[in-house]
């Protein structure tokens, strides 16, 4: 059960990174969206 919990957290964190990283690159550097997405990434 513990392994499955860690696996789920790992998959979720990776998915968030895969979504927010490119978005942070795509928006204007230094803008509010860029800063917030960078924090989440």
PDB file of N, CA and C in Angstrom:
ATOM      1  N   UNK A   1       0.830  -1.202   0.000  1.00  0.00           N
ATOM      2  CA  UNK A   1       0.000   0.000   0.000  1.00  0.00           C
ATOM      3  C   UNK A   1       0.870   1.260   0.000  1.00  0.00           C
ATOM      4  N   UNK A   2       1.940   1.251   0.772  1.00  0.00           N
ATOM      5  CA  UNK A   2       2.821   2.411   0.827  1.00  0.00           C
ATOM      6  C   UNK A   2       3.475   2.667  -0.529  1.00  0.00           C
ATOM      7  N   UNK A   3       3.884   1.589  -1.196  1.00  0.00           N
ATOM      8  CA  UNK A   3       4.495   1.710  -2.523  1.00  0.00           C
ATOM      9  C   UNK A   3       3.530   2.359  -3.509  1.00  0.00           C
ATOM     10  N   UNK A   4       2.276   1.951  -3.473  1.00  0.00           N
ATOM     11  CA  UNK A   4       1.280   2.509  -4.390  1.00  0.00           C
ATOM     12  C   UNK A   4       1.034   3.988  -4.113  1.00  0.00           C
ATOM     13  N   UNK A   5       1.082   4.380  -2.850  1.00  0.00           N
ATOM     14  CA  UNK A   5       0.904   5.787  -2.486  1.00  0.00           C
ATOM     15  C   UNK A   5       2.048   6.627  -3.045  1.00  0.00           C
ATOM     16  N   UNK A   6       3.278   6.147  -2.872  1.00  0.00           N
ATOM     17  CA  UNK A   6       4.436   6.868  -3.398  1.00  0.00           C
ATOM     18  C   UNK A   6       4.411   6.921  -4.921  1.00  0.00           C
ATOM     19  N   UNK A   7       3.997   5.841  -5.536  1.00  0.00           N
ATOM     20  CA  UNK A   7       3.909   5.791  -6.988  1.00  0.00           C
ATOM     21  C   UNK A   7       2.893   6.812  -7.494  1.00  0.00           C
ATOM     22  N   UNK A   8       1.762   6.918  -6.833  1.00  0.00           N
ATOM     23  CA  UNK A   8       0.736   7.879  -7.219  1.00  0.00           C
ATOM     24  C   UNK A   8       1.249   9.312  -7.078  1.00  0.00           C
ATOM     25  N   UNK A   9       1.903   9.603  -5.968  1.00  0.00           N
ATOM     26  CA  UNK A   9       2.468  10.940  -5.767  1.00  0.00           C
ATOM     27  C   UNK A   9       3.513  11.237  -6.836  1.00  0.00           C
ATOM     28  N   UNK A  10       4.338  10.267  -7.161  1.00  0.00           N
ATOM     29  CA  UNK A  10       5.382  10.426  -8.168  1.00  0.00           C
ATOM     30  C   UNK A  10       4.774  10.716  -9.545  1.00  0.00           C
ATOM     31  N   UNK A  11       3.739   9.988  -9.902  1.00  0.00           N
ATOM     32  CA  UNK A  11       3.076  10.182 -11.197  1.00  0.00           C
ATOM     33  C   UNK A  11       2.399  11.547 -11.255  1.00  0.00           C
ATOM     34  N   UNK A  12       1.731  11.935 -10.184  1.00  0.00           N
ATOM     35  CA  UNK A  12       1.068  13.242 -10.153  1.00  0.00           C
ATOM     36  C   UNK A  12       2.078  14.383 -10.244  1.00  0.00           C
ATOM     37  N   UNK A  13       3.167  14.282  -9.495  1.00  0.00           N
ATOM     38  CA  UNK A  13       4.185  15.337  -9.529  1.00  0.00           C
ATOM     39  C   UNK A  13       4.822  15.440 -10.919  1.00  0.00           C
ATOM     40  N   UNK A  14       5.094  14.313 -11.526  1.00  0.00           N
ATOM     41  CA  UNK A  14       5.656  14.322 -12.878  1.00  0.00           C
ATOM     42  C   UNK A  14       4.697  14.918 -13.887  1.00  0.00           C
ATOM     43  N   UNK A  15       3.423  14.594 -13.753  1.00  0.00           N
ATOM     44  CA  UNK A  15       2.417  15.138 -14.671  1.00  0.00           C
ATOM     45  C   UNK A  15       2.298  16.652 -14.515  1.00  0.00           C
ATOM     46  N   UNK A  16       2.322  17.119 -13.277  1.00  0.00           N
ATOM     47  CA  UNK A  16       2.263  18.569 -13.042  1.00  0.00           C
ATOM     48  C   UNK A  16       3.473  19.249 -13.670  1.00  0.00           C
ATOM     49  N   UNK A  17       4.647  18.645 -13.519  1.00  0.00           N
ATOM     50  CA  UNK A  17       5.848  19.202 -14.114  1.00  0.00           C
ATOM     51  C   UNK A  17       5.796  19.233 -15.632  1.00  0.00           C
ATOM     52  N   UNK A  18       5.276  18.161 -16.208  1.00  0.00           N
ATOM     53  CA  UNK A  18       5.177  18.099 -17.675  1.00  0.00           C
ATOM     54  C   UNK A  18       4.178  19.113 -18.227  1.00  0.00           C
ATOM     55  N   UNK A  19       3.192  19.473 -17.444  1.00  0.00           N
ATOM     56  CA  UNK A  19       2.200  20.451 -17.891  1.00  0.00           C
ATOM     57  C   UNK A  19       2.651  21.891 -17.636  1.00  0.00           C
ATOM     58  N   UNK A  20       3.208  22.151 -16.462  1.00  0.00           N
ATOM     59  CA  UNK A  20       3.534  23.535 -16.106  1.00  0.00           C
ATOM     60  C   UNK A  20       4.851  24.018 -16.708  1.00  0.00           C
ATOM     61  N   UNK A  21       5.800  23.115 -16.934  1.00  0.00           N
ATOM     62  CA  UNK A  21       7.082  23.526 -17.503  1.00  0.00           C
ATOM     63  C   UNK A  21       6.943  24.189 -18.862  1.00  0.00           C
ATOM     64  N   UNK A  22       6.338  23.514 -19.828  1.00  0.00           N
ATOM     65  CA  UNK A  22       6.163  24.135 -21.143  1.00  0.00           C
ATOM     66  C   UNK A  22       5.285  25.401 -21.100  1.00  0.00           C
ATOM     67  N   UNK A  23       4.296  25.407 -20.213  1.00  0.00           N
ATOM     68  CA  UNK A  23       3.460  26.603 -20.105  1.00  0.00           C
ATOM     69  C   UNK A  23       4.278  27.790 -19.588  1.00  0.00           C
ATOM     70  N   UNK A  24       5.142  27.554 -18.619  1.00  0.00           N
ATOM     71  CA  UNK A  24       5.985  28.629 -18.093  1.00  0.00           C
ATOM     72  C   UNK A  24       6.932  29.153 -19.170  1.00  0.00           C
ATOM     73  N   UNK A  25       7.387  28.280 -20.047  1.00  0.00           N
ATOM     74  CA  UNK A  25       8.269  28.699 -21.138  1.00  0.00           C
ATOM     75  C   UNK A  25       7.497  29.503 -22.178  1.00  0.00           C
ATOM     76  N   UNK A  26       6.221  29.151 -22.390  1.00  0.00           N
ATOM     77  CA  UNK A  26       5.431  29.754 -23.457  1.00  0.00           C
ATOM     78  C   UNK A  26       4.944  31.168 -23.134  1.00  0.00           C
ATOM     79  N   UNK A  27       4.755  31.473 -21.860  1.00  0.00           N
ATOM     80  CA  UNK A  27       4.220  32.793 -21.509  1.00  0.00           C
ATOM     81  C   UNK A  27       5.360  33.804 -21.385  1.00  0.00           C
ATOM     82  N   UNK A  28       4.990  35.080 -21.318  1.00  0.00           N
ATOM     83  CA  UNK A  28       5.975  36.161 -21.269  1.00  0.00           C
ATOM     84  C   UNK A  28       6.855  36.048 -20.024  1.00  0.00           C
ATOM     85  N   UNK A  29       8.160  36.121 -20.243  1.00  0.00           N
ATOM     86  CA  UNK A  29       9.107  36.009 -19.144  1.00  0.00           C
ATOM     87  C   UNK A  29       8.934  37.167 -18.179  1.00  0.00           C
ATOM     88  N   UNK A  30       8.881  36.845 -16.896  1.00  0.00           N
ATOM     89  CA  UNK A  30       8.759  37.861 -15.868  1.00  0.00           C
ATOM     90  C   UNK A  30       7.321  38.237 -15.553  1.00  0.00           C
ATOM     91  N   UNK A  31       6.385  37.791 -16.367  1.00  0.00           N
ATOM     92  CA  UNK A  31       4.982  38.104 -16.123  1.00  0.00           C
ATOM     93  C   UNK A  31       4.435  37.301 -14.952  1.00  0.00           C
ATOM     94  N   UNK A  32       3.252  37.665 -14.533  1.00  0.00           N
ATOM     95  CA  UNK A  32       2.632  36.991 -13.390  1.00  0.00           C
ATOM     96  C   UNK A  32       2.434  35.499 -13.655  1.00  0.00           C
ATOM     97  N   UNK A  33       1.942  35.162 -14.838  1.00  0.00           N
ATOM     98  CA  UNK A  33       1.723  33.742 -15.163  1.00  0.00           C
ATOM     99  C   UNK A  33       3.047  32.981 -15.163  1.00  0.00           C
ATOM    100  N   UNK A  34       4.093  33.584 -15.700  1.00  0.00           N
ATOM    101  CA  UNK A  34       5.408  32.936 -15.752  1.00  0.00           C
ATOM    102  C   UNK A  34       5.923  32.648 -14.338  1.00  0.00           C
ATOM    103  N   UNK A  35       5.785  33.621 -13.469  1.00  0.00           N
ATOM    104  CA  UNK A  35       6.267  33.445 -12.093  1.00  0.00           C
ATOM    105  C   UNK A  35       5.464  32.380 -11.359  1.00  0.00           C
ATOM    106  N   UNK A  36       4.156  32.404 -11.512  1.00  0.00           N
ATOM    107  CA  UNK A  36       3.326  31.424 -10.804  1.00  0.00           C
ATOM    108  C   UNK A  36       3.541  30.017 -11.334  1.00  0.00           C
ATOM    109  N   UNK A  37       3.630  29.879 -12.644  1.00  0.00           N
ATOM    110  CA  UNK A  37       3.874  28.553 -13.220  1.00  0.00           C
ATOM    111  C   UNK A  37       5.258  28.051 -12.828  1.00  0.00           C
ATOM    112  N   UNK A  38       6.225  28.960 -12.748  1.00  0.00           N
ATOM    113  CA  UNK A  38       7.568  28.556 -12.315  1.00  0.00           C
ATOM    114  C   UNK A  38       7.595  28.048 -10.894  1.00  0.00           C
ATOM    115  N   UNK A  39       6.792  28.652 -10.029  1.00  0.00           N
ATOM    116  CA  UNK A  39       6.722  28.187  -8.641  1.00  0.00           C
ATOM    117  C   UNK A  39       6.109  26.792  -8.587  1.00  0.00           C
ATOM    118  N   UNK A  40       5.044  26.579  -9.358  1.00  0.00           N
ATOM    119  CA  UNK A  40       4.393  25.261  -9.363  1.00  0.00           C
ATOM    120  C   UNK A  40       5.337  24.222  -9.953  1.00  0.00           C
ATOM    121  N   UNK A  41       6.065  24.588 -11.010  1.00  0.00           N
ATOM    122  CA  UNK A  41       6.993  23.670 -11.654  1.00  0.00           C
ATOM    123  C   UNK A  41       8.054  23.250 -10.662  1.00  0.00           C
TER     124      UNK A  41
END
